[in-house]
Every structure is written in C-alpha cells, then in structure tokens.
Amino acid sequence: MSDKIKKAVELYNKGEFEEAIDIFSSVLETEKPTVEVYNTIGLCYNSVGNTEKAEDCFLKAIELEPKAPEPYINLADLYYKNKDFANGIELLCQGCYQIPDNMVLRHFLARFYMEDSRLDLAIDELENILDVQPENFDAYYDLGKVHFELGNYACAIENFENVLEFKENNQWIYFYLAQAYEANDEIDKAISNYLKTIARDDGFYQAYKKVAILFMARGDYEDAIEYFEDYLELDVPEEEKKNITELVKRIKKKIGDEK
C-alpha cells in the first residue's frame, strides 16, 4: 500500500471524507486501481451524500474483482437505504452466484426479498442460511417475521422461540412472540410473553395496551385496569389517553354493576 493510500485511509477513518476523496482521486490517476481503493472511495462518497459516485465506485470494485464481498455489501446497503430493491436484488443475486458460500450476501438478499414482498423467495434464502448456520438467530428472527406476515403463526412461533435460545433478554423478541401466540389464539402464552416484554422494558407502551386488552377479553378486569392505568402513565398521545381513560371508567362500572 502506497503512502498516499495510507494517508487517504487514515483520513477516511477520521471522518475527513472530502480530503480522503481528493487523495484517492489522485491515486486513481497515477496508480493501478484496486478493489480496496474503489471500495473505500465509494464509502467516502456515500458518507458525503454523493450516492451516484459511490455506486459507480462500488461497481468498478466489483468489476475488478467479482468475488470480493465488501463492494457488494456496501452497494447493497446503499440500495437498501434508498429503497431501490430491484437493483439490490439483481446485485445480490450476482454476488451470491459469484460467492455462493457467503451467508452475509444471502441474508441481505433475503431482507431485500422481504422488503419487496417476495416472501417465498425470502423463506428459501433464510432456510438455506440456517442449513449452513443453524445457530444464526438473526435468520430465525427474519424467518419468524416472514411467517407471521404470511399468517403461518405456528411457524412464526417456532422461529421466535429459536431466537430465544440465543437472545433471552430481548424485549422485541418477546413482543413478536406474544403477537404470534395471540394471532394463533394461544392467549395465556401471549399474555405471558407481553408480561416478559414489560419486565425487560418497563417503558414498552405497546405491550401494556396489548396485555390489558387480552386481560379484558379474558374477563380479568382488575388486571386489565392495572395495565391500562400503567399505559396511561407512559408517553402516549392525548387522544389515546382520553379514549383509554373512558374505557377504564366503563370497566370499573362493569365491575361495580356485577358486585
């Protein structure tokens, strides 16, 4: 690596992207281009908001070395942030063809399929990843989300439960698992997981409302009131607070009428 490239990389690492671009540009005029130079200058351009030049640099890096994963990943990230799913899918299919054993590219491709509502293809990619990496909890998580969206609630539950083998204290996993159990009409398990969500994050307002509604539907009015009132203490819109306050009043009246 030449002194110029070392200096440009140093400037990139310090966040001085414009200065790094100037040096990299001079390098490209005087030295043989490399994947690393094109990839890093692409990152610089992306950091200053020049996505067209960033895309061009990443594509040149891929052209120089089609089996280098970093330019695919960086360009796919650019496409993902810009919601350019068609180009992202085309790019990642090319990357997976060139580097079939790279599970990062396959997982990125699965997420593009998810965003593009091509859920069957997303499932295929995620299952392929899990065949190779059976402890990849991110793949289980995404697979759970896909199955939930498709209405395959039992499969969603299975995959979210698999995530918990690796991430026991993640409130979002318990919340998604609770939603899947609720959709699958397993109300006791749904309540249990909403309560686990709250135990791990006492500001998770969605879980308070969800569990209160389930308690109310089950006829556990005192528990419903408790969690609705806790919900009202959180940062929810005023109109929502008004509606829930009225609901609590009706529940209390119902309890009084039944005594």
Protein backbone atom coordinates (compact mmCIF):
# COMPACT_ATOMS: atom_id res chain seq x y z
CA MET A 1 0.00 0.00 0.00
CA SER A 2 1.45 3.37 -1.04
CA ASP A 3 1.91 6.27 1.34
CA LYS A 4 -0.87 8.16 -0.46
CA ILE A 5 -3.34 5.35 0.04
CA LYS A 6 -2.35 5.01 3.70
CA LYS A 7 -2.96 8.73 4.17
CA ALA A 8 -6.33 8.57 2.42
CA VAL A 9 -7.43 5.60 4.54
CA GLU A 10 -6.31 7.46 7.66
CA LEU A 11 -8.42 10.48 6.64
CA TYR A 12 -11.39 8.19 5.93
CA ASN A 13 -11.10 6.60 9.37
CA LYS A 14 -11.03 10.10 10.93
CA GLY A 15 -14.20 11.07 9.08
CA GLU A 16 -12.44 13.58 6.81
CA PHE A 17 -14.14 12.25 3.71
CA GLU A 18 -13.65 15.12 1.26
CA GLU A 19 -9.91 15.18 1.94
CA ALA A 20 -9.75 11.39 1.54
CA ILE A 21 -11.62 11.64 -1.79
CA ASP A 22 -9.07 14.17 -3.09
CA ILE A 23 -6.16 11.87 -2.32
CA PHE A 24 -7.90 8.74 -3.62
CA SER A 25 -8.72 10.59 -6.85
CA SER A 26 -5.08 11.45 -7.36
CA VAL A 27 -4.14 7.84 -6.64
CA LEU A 28 -6.52 6.67 -9.38
CA GLU A 29 -4.77 8.99 -11.82
CA THR A 30 -1.27 7.74 -11.06
CA GLU A 31 -1.54 4.18 -9.74
CA LYS A 32 -3.19 0.98 -10.85
CA PRO A 33 -6.68 0.89 -9.33
CA THR A 34 -7.52 -1.78 -6.77
CA VAL A 35 -10.71 -3.15 -5.24
CA GLU A 36 -9.75 -1.64 -1.89
CA VAL A 37 -9.29 1.87 -3.33
CA TYR A 38 -12.56 1.84 -5.28
CA ASN A 39 -14.42 0.36 -2.32
CA THR A 40 -13.09 2.91 0.18
CA ILE A 41 -13.59 5.91 -2.09
CA GLY A 42 -17.13 4.63 -2.62
CA LEU A 43 -17.63 4.68 1.14
CA CYS A 44 -16.30 8.25 1.23
CA TYR A 45 -18.68 9.41 -1.48
CA ASN A 46 -21.56 7.67 0.26
CA SER A 47 -20.67 9.41 3.53
CA VAL A 48 -20.86 12.85 1.91
CA GLY A 49 -24.17 12.02 0.20
CA ASN A 50 -22.91 11.56 -3.35
CA THR A 51 -24.64 8.25 -3.94
CA GLU A 52 -24.17 8.27 -7.74
CA LYS A 53 -20.38 8.39 -7.48
CA ALA A 54 -20.48 5.92 -4.59
CA GLU A 55 -22.47 3.48 -6.72
CA ASP A 56 -20.04 3.93 -9.62
CA CYS A 57 -17.04 3.19 -7.39
CA PHE A 58 -18.59 0.08 -5.87
CA LEU A 59 -19.49 -1.22 -9.33
CA LYS A 60 -15.92 -0.62 -10.52
CA ALA A 61 -14.63 -2.54 -7.49
CA ILE A 62 -16.93 -5.45 -8.35
CA GLU A 63 -15.82 -5.33 -11.98
CA LEU A 64 -12.18 -5.57 -10.87
CA GLU A 65 -12.83 -8.48 -8.52
CA PRO A 66 -16.28 -10.13 -8.77
CA LYS A 67 -15.52 -12.39 -5.81
CA ALA A 68 -14.79 -9.59 -3.30
CA PRO A 69 -17.79 -9.41 -0.92
CA GLU A 70 -17.26 -5.91 0.56
CA PRO A 71 -18.33 -3.87 -2.52
CA TYR A 72 -21.49 -5.97 -2.88
CA ILE A 73 -22.36 -5.41 0.77
CA ASN A 74 -21.66 -1.67 0.65
CA LEU A 75 -23.58 -1.13 -2.57
CA ALA A 76 -26.47 -3.28 -1.35
CA ASP A 77 -26.60 -1.16 1.80
CA LEU A 78 -26.81 1.96 -0.37
CA TYR A 79 -29.65 0.45 -2.42
CA TYR A 80 -31.44 -0.69 0.74
CA LYS A 81 -31.38 2.76 2.30
CA ASN A 82 -32.70 4.24 -0.95
CA LYS A 83 -35.39 1.52 -1.18
CA ASP A 84 -34.03 0.52 -4.58
CA PHE A 85 -35.00 -3.10 -4.15
CA ALA A 86 -34.89 -4.10 -7.82
CA ASN A 87 -31.25 -3.10 -8.26
CA GLY A 88 -30.39 -4.52 -4.86
CA ILE A 89 -31.85 -7.91 -5.69
CA GLU A 90 -30.09 -8.00 -9.07
CA LEU A 91 -26.79 -7.07 -7.43
CA LEU A 92 -27.08 -9.62 -4.62
CA CYS A 93 -28.13 -12.42 -6.96
CA GLN A 94 -24.92 -11.69 -8.87
CA GLY A 95 -22.94 -11.69 -5.61
CA CYS A 96 -24.47 -14.98 -4.46
CA TYR A 97 -23.64 -16.52 -7.83
CA GLN A 98 -20.03 -15.36 -7.60
CA ILE A 99 -19.61 -16.14 -3.88
CA PRO A 100 -22.21 -18.84 -3.12
CA ASP A 101 -20.85 -19.61 0.36
CA ASN A 102 -21.14 -16.03 1.63
CA MET A 103 -24.08 -16.10 4.04
CA VAL A 104 -23.97 -12.32 4.63
CA LEU A 105 -24.88 -11.72 1.00
CA ARG A 106 -27.61 -14.35 1.16
CA HIS A 107 -29.08 -12.80 4.29
CA PHE A 108 -29.01 -9.36 2.72
CA LEU A 109 -30.78 -10.83 -0.33
CA ALA A 110 -33.44 -12.37 1.93
CA ARG A 111 -34.10 -8.98 3.50
CA PHE A 112 -34.44 -7.37 0.08
CA TYR A 113 -36.96 -10.07 -0.83
CA MET A 114 -38.84 -9.32 2.40
CA GLU A 115 -38.97 -5.60 1.63
CA ASP A 116 -40.08 -6.35 -1.94
CA SER A 117 -42.87 -8.67 -0.68
CA ARG A 118 -41.30 -11.70 -2.34
CA LEU A 119 -41.74 -13.72 0.81
CA ASP A 120 -41.45 -17.24 -0.60
CA LEU A 121 -38.02 -16.36 -2.01
CA ALA A 122 -37.05 -14.84 1.33
CA ILE A 123 -38.01 -18.09 3.08
CA ASP A 124 -35.88 -20.10 0.64
CA GLU A 125 -32.82 -17.93 1.32
CA LEU A 126 -33.29 -17.92 5.10
CA GLU A 127 -33.74 -21.70 5.23
CA ASN A 128 -30.59 -22.12 3.13
CA ILE A 129 -28.70 -19.94 5.61
CA LEU A 130 -29.96 -21.99 8.57
CA ASP A 131 -28.91 -25.22 6.85
CA VAL A 132 -25.35 -23.86 6.91
CA GLN A 133 -25.56 -21.80 10.12
CA PRO A 134 -28.10 -23.47 12.45
CA GLU A 135 -27.28 -21.00 15.24
CA ASN A 136 -27.89 -17.87 13.16
CA PHE A 137 -30.52 -16.25 15.40
CA ASP A 138 -30.92 -13.27 13.03
CA ALA A 139 -32.09 -15.68 10.33
CA TYR A 140 -34.58 -17.29 12.74
CA TYR A 141 -35.83 -13.79 13.63
CA ASP A 142 -36.37 -12.82 9.99
CA LEU A 143 -37.95 -16.17 9.22
CA GLY A 144 -40.34 -15.66 12.12
CA LYS A 145 -41.33 -12.25 10.76
CA VAL A 146 -41.92 -13.64 7.27
CA HIS A 147 -44.10 -16.49 8.52
CA PHE A 148 -46.05 -14.06 10.72
CA GLU A 149 -46.74 -11.84 7.72
CA LEU A 150 -47.90 -14.88 5.74
CA GLY A 151 -50.22 -15.91 8.57
CA ASN A 152 -48.19 -19.03 9.39
CA TYR A 153 -48.36 -18.30 13.11
CA ALA A 154 -47.19 -21.70 14.36
CA CYS A 155 -44.07 -21.42 12.17
CA ALA A 156 -43.53 -17.86 13.37
CA ILE A 157 -43.73 -19.04 16.98
CA GLU A 158 -41.25 -21.84 16.34
CA ASN A 159 -38.71 -19.45 14.84
CA PHE A 160 -39.10 -16.76 17.50
CA GLU A 161 -38.70 -19.45 20.19
CA ASN A 162 -35.47 -20.49 18.45
CA VAL A 163 -34.21 -16.91 18.73
CA LEU A 164 -34.75 -17.04 22.49
CA GLU A 165 -32.20 -19.83 22.74
CA PHE A 166 -29.59 -17.19 21.89
CA LYS A 167 -31.20 -13.87 22.91
CA GLU A 168 -33.14 -14.37 26.13
CA ASN A 169 -33.35 -10.75 27.23
CA ASN A 170 -34.51 -9.06 24.06
CA GLN A 171 -37.87 -7.38 24.66
CA TRP A 172 -38.72 -7.22 20.96
CA ILE A 173 -38.47 -10.97 20.55
CA TYR A 174 -40.90 -11.50 23.43
CA PHE A 175 -43.23 -8.89 21.91
CA TYR A 176 -43.21 -10.52 18.47
CA LEU A 177 -43.62 -13.93 20.06
CA ALA A 178 -46.58 -12.63 22.07
CA GLN A 179 -48.19 -11.28 18.90
CA ALA A 180 -47.71 -14.64 17.18
CA TYR A 181 -49.27 -16.52 20.12
CA GLU A 182 -52.15 -14.02 20.17
CA ALA A 183 -52.75 -14.48 16.43
CA ASN A 184 -52.60 -18.25 16.95
CA ASP A 185 -55.30 -17.93 19.66
CA GLU A 186 -52.97 -19.04 22.47
CA ILE A 187 -53.97 -16.24 24.80
CA ASP A 188 -52.27 -17.40 28.01
CA LYS A 189 -48.92 -17.68 26.24
CA ALA A 190 -49.49 -14.33 24.57
CA ILE A 191 -50.12 -12.68 27.94
CA SER A 192 -47.06 -14.36 29.42
CA ASN A 193 -44.82 -13.01 26.67
CA TYR A 194 -46.27 -9.49 26.78
CA LEU A 195 -45.50 -9.51 30.52
CA LYS A 196 -41.95 -10.68 29.78
CA THR A 197 -41.65 -7.78 27.35
CA ILE A 198 -42.65 -5.34 30.09
CA ALA A 199 -40.31 -7.00 32.60
CA ARG A 200 -37.39 -6.30 30.29
CA ASP A 201 -38.51 -2.80 29.27
CA ASP A 202 -40.98 -1.05 31.56
CA GLY A 203 -41.41 1.72 29.00
CA PHE A 204 -42.60 -0.59 26.22
CA TYR A 205 -46.03 1.04 25.96
CA GLN A 206 -47.39 -1.20 23.17
CA ALA A 207 -47.07 -4.26 25.42
CA TYR A 208 -49.07 -2.63 28.23
CA LYS A 209 -52.01 -1.93 25.94
CA LYS A 210 -51.84 -5.35 24.30
CA VAL A 211 -51.80 -7.28 27.57
CA ALA A 212 -54.53 -5.08 29.09
CA ILE A 213 -56.80 -5.81 26.13
CA LEU A 214 -56.17 -9.55 26.47
CA PHE A 215 -56.89 -9.45 30.21
CA MET A 216 -60.11 -7.57 29.49
CA ALA A 217 -61.15 -10.07 26.80
CA ARG A 218 -60.48 -12.89 29.25
CA GLY A 219 -62.60 -11.24 31.92
CA ASP A 220 -59.66 -10.40 34.21
CA TYR A 221 -60.88 -6.84 34.68
CA GLU A 222 -58.71 -5.89 37.65
CA ASP A 223 -55.57 -6.89 35.77
CA ALA A 224 -56.83 -5.05 32.68
CA ILE A 225 -57.35 -1.87 34.71
CA GLU A 226 -53.87 -2.16 36.24
CA TYR A 227 -52.11 -2.35 32.87
CA PHE A 228 -54.33 0.25 31.23
CA GLU A 229 -53.50 2.65 34.06
CA ASP A 230 -49.80 1.87 33.72
CA TYR A 231 -50.16 2.53 29.99
CA LEU A 232 -51.67 5.95 30.71
CA GLU A 233 -48.54 6.90 32.65
CA LEU A 234 -46.40 6.45 29.55
CA ASP A 235 -45.74 8.75 26.61
CA VAL A 236 -48.88 8.17 24.54
CA PRO A 237 -50.91 10.73 22.53
CA GLU A 238 -53.52 12.79 24.41
CA GLU A 239 -56.38 11.48 22.27
CA GLU A 240 -55.30 7.92 23.08
CA LYS A 241 -55.16 8.76 26.79
CA LYS A 242 -58.67 10.15 26.63
CA ASN A 243 -60.00 7.01 24.93
CA ILE A 244 -58.28 4.65 27.36
CA THR A 245 -59.43 6.69 30.36
CA GLU A 246 -63.03 6.33 29.17
CA LEU A 247 -62.50 2.60 28.64
CA VAL A 248 -61.15 2.19 32.19
CA LYS A 249 -64.21 4.02 33.55
CA ARG A 250 -66.50 1.62 31.69
CA ILE A 251 -64.61 -1.41 33.01
CA LYS A 252 -64.82 -0.11 36.59
CA LYS A 253 -68.53 0.50 36.14
CA LYS A 254 -68.96 -3.04 34.82
CA ILE A 255 -67.14 -4.42 37.88
CA GLY A 256 -69.34 -2.32 40.15
CA ASP A 257 -72.52 -3.48 38.41
CA GLU A 258 -71.51 -7.13 38.80
CA LYS A 259 -70.95 -6.86 42.56
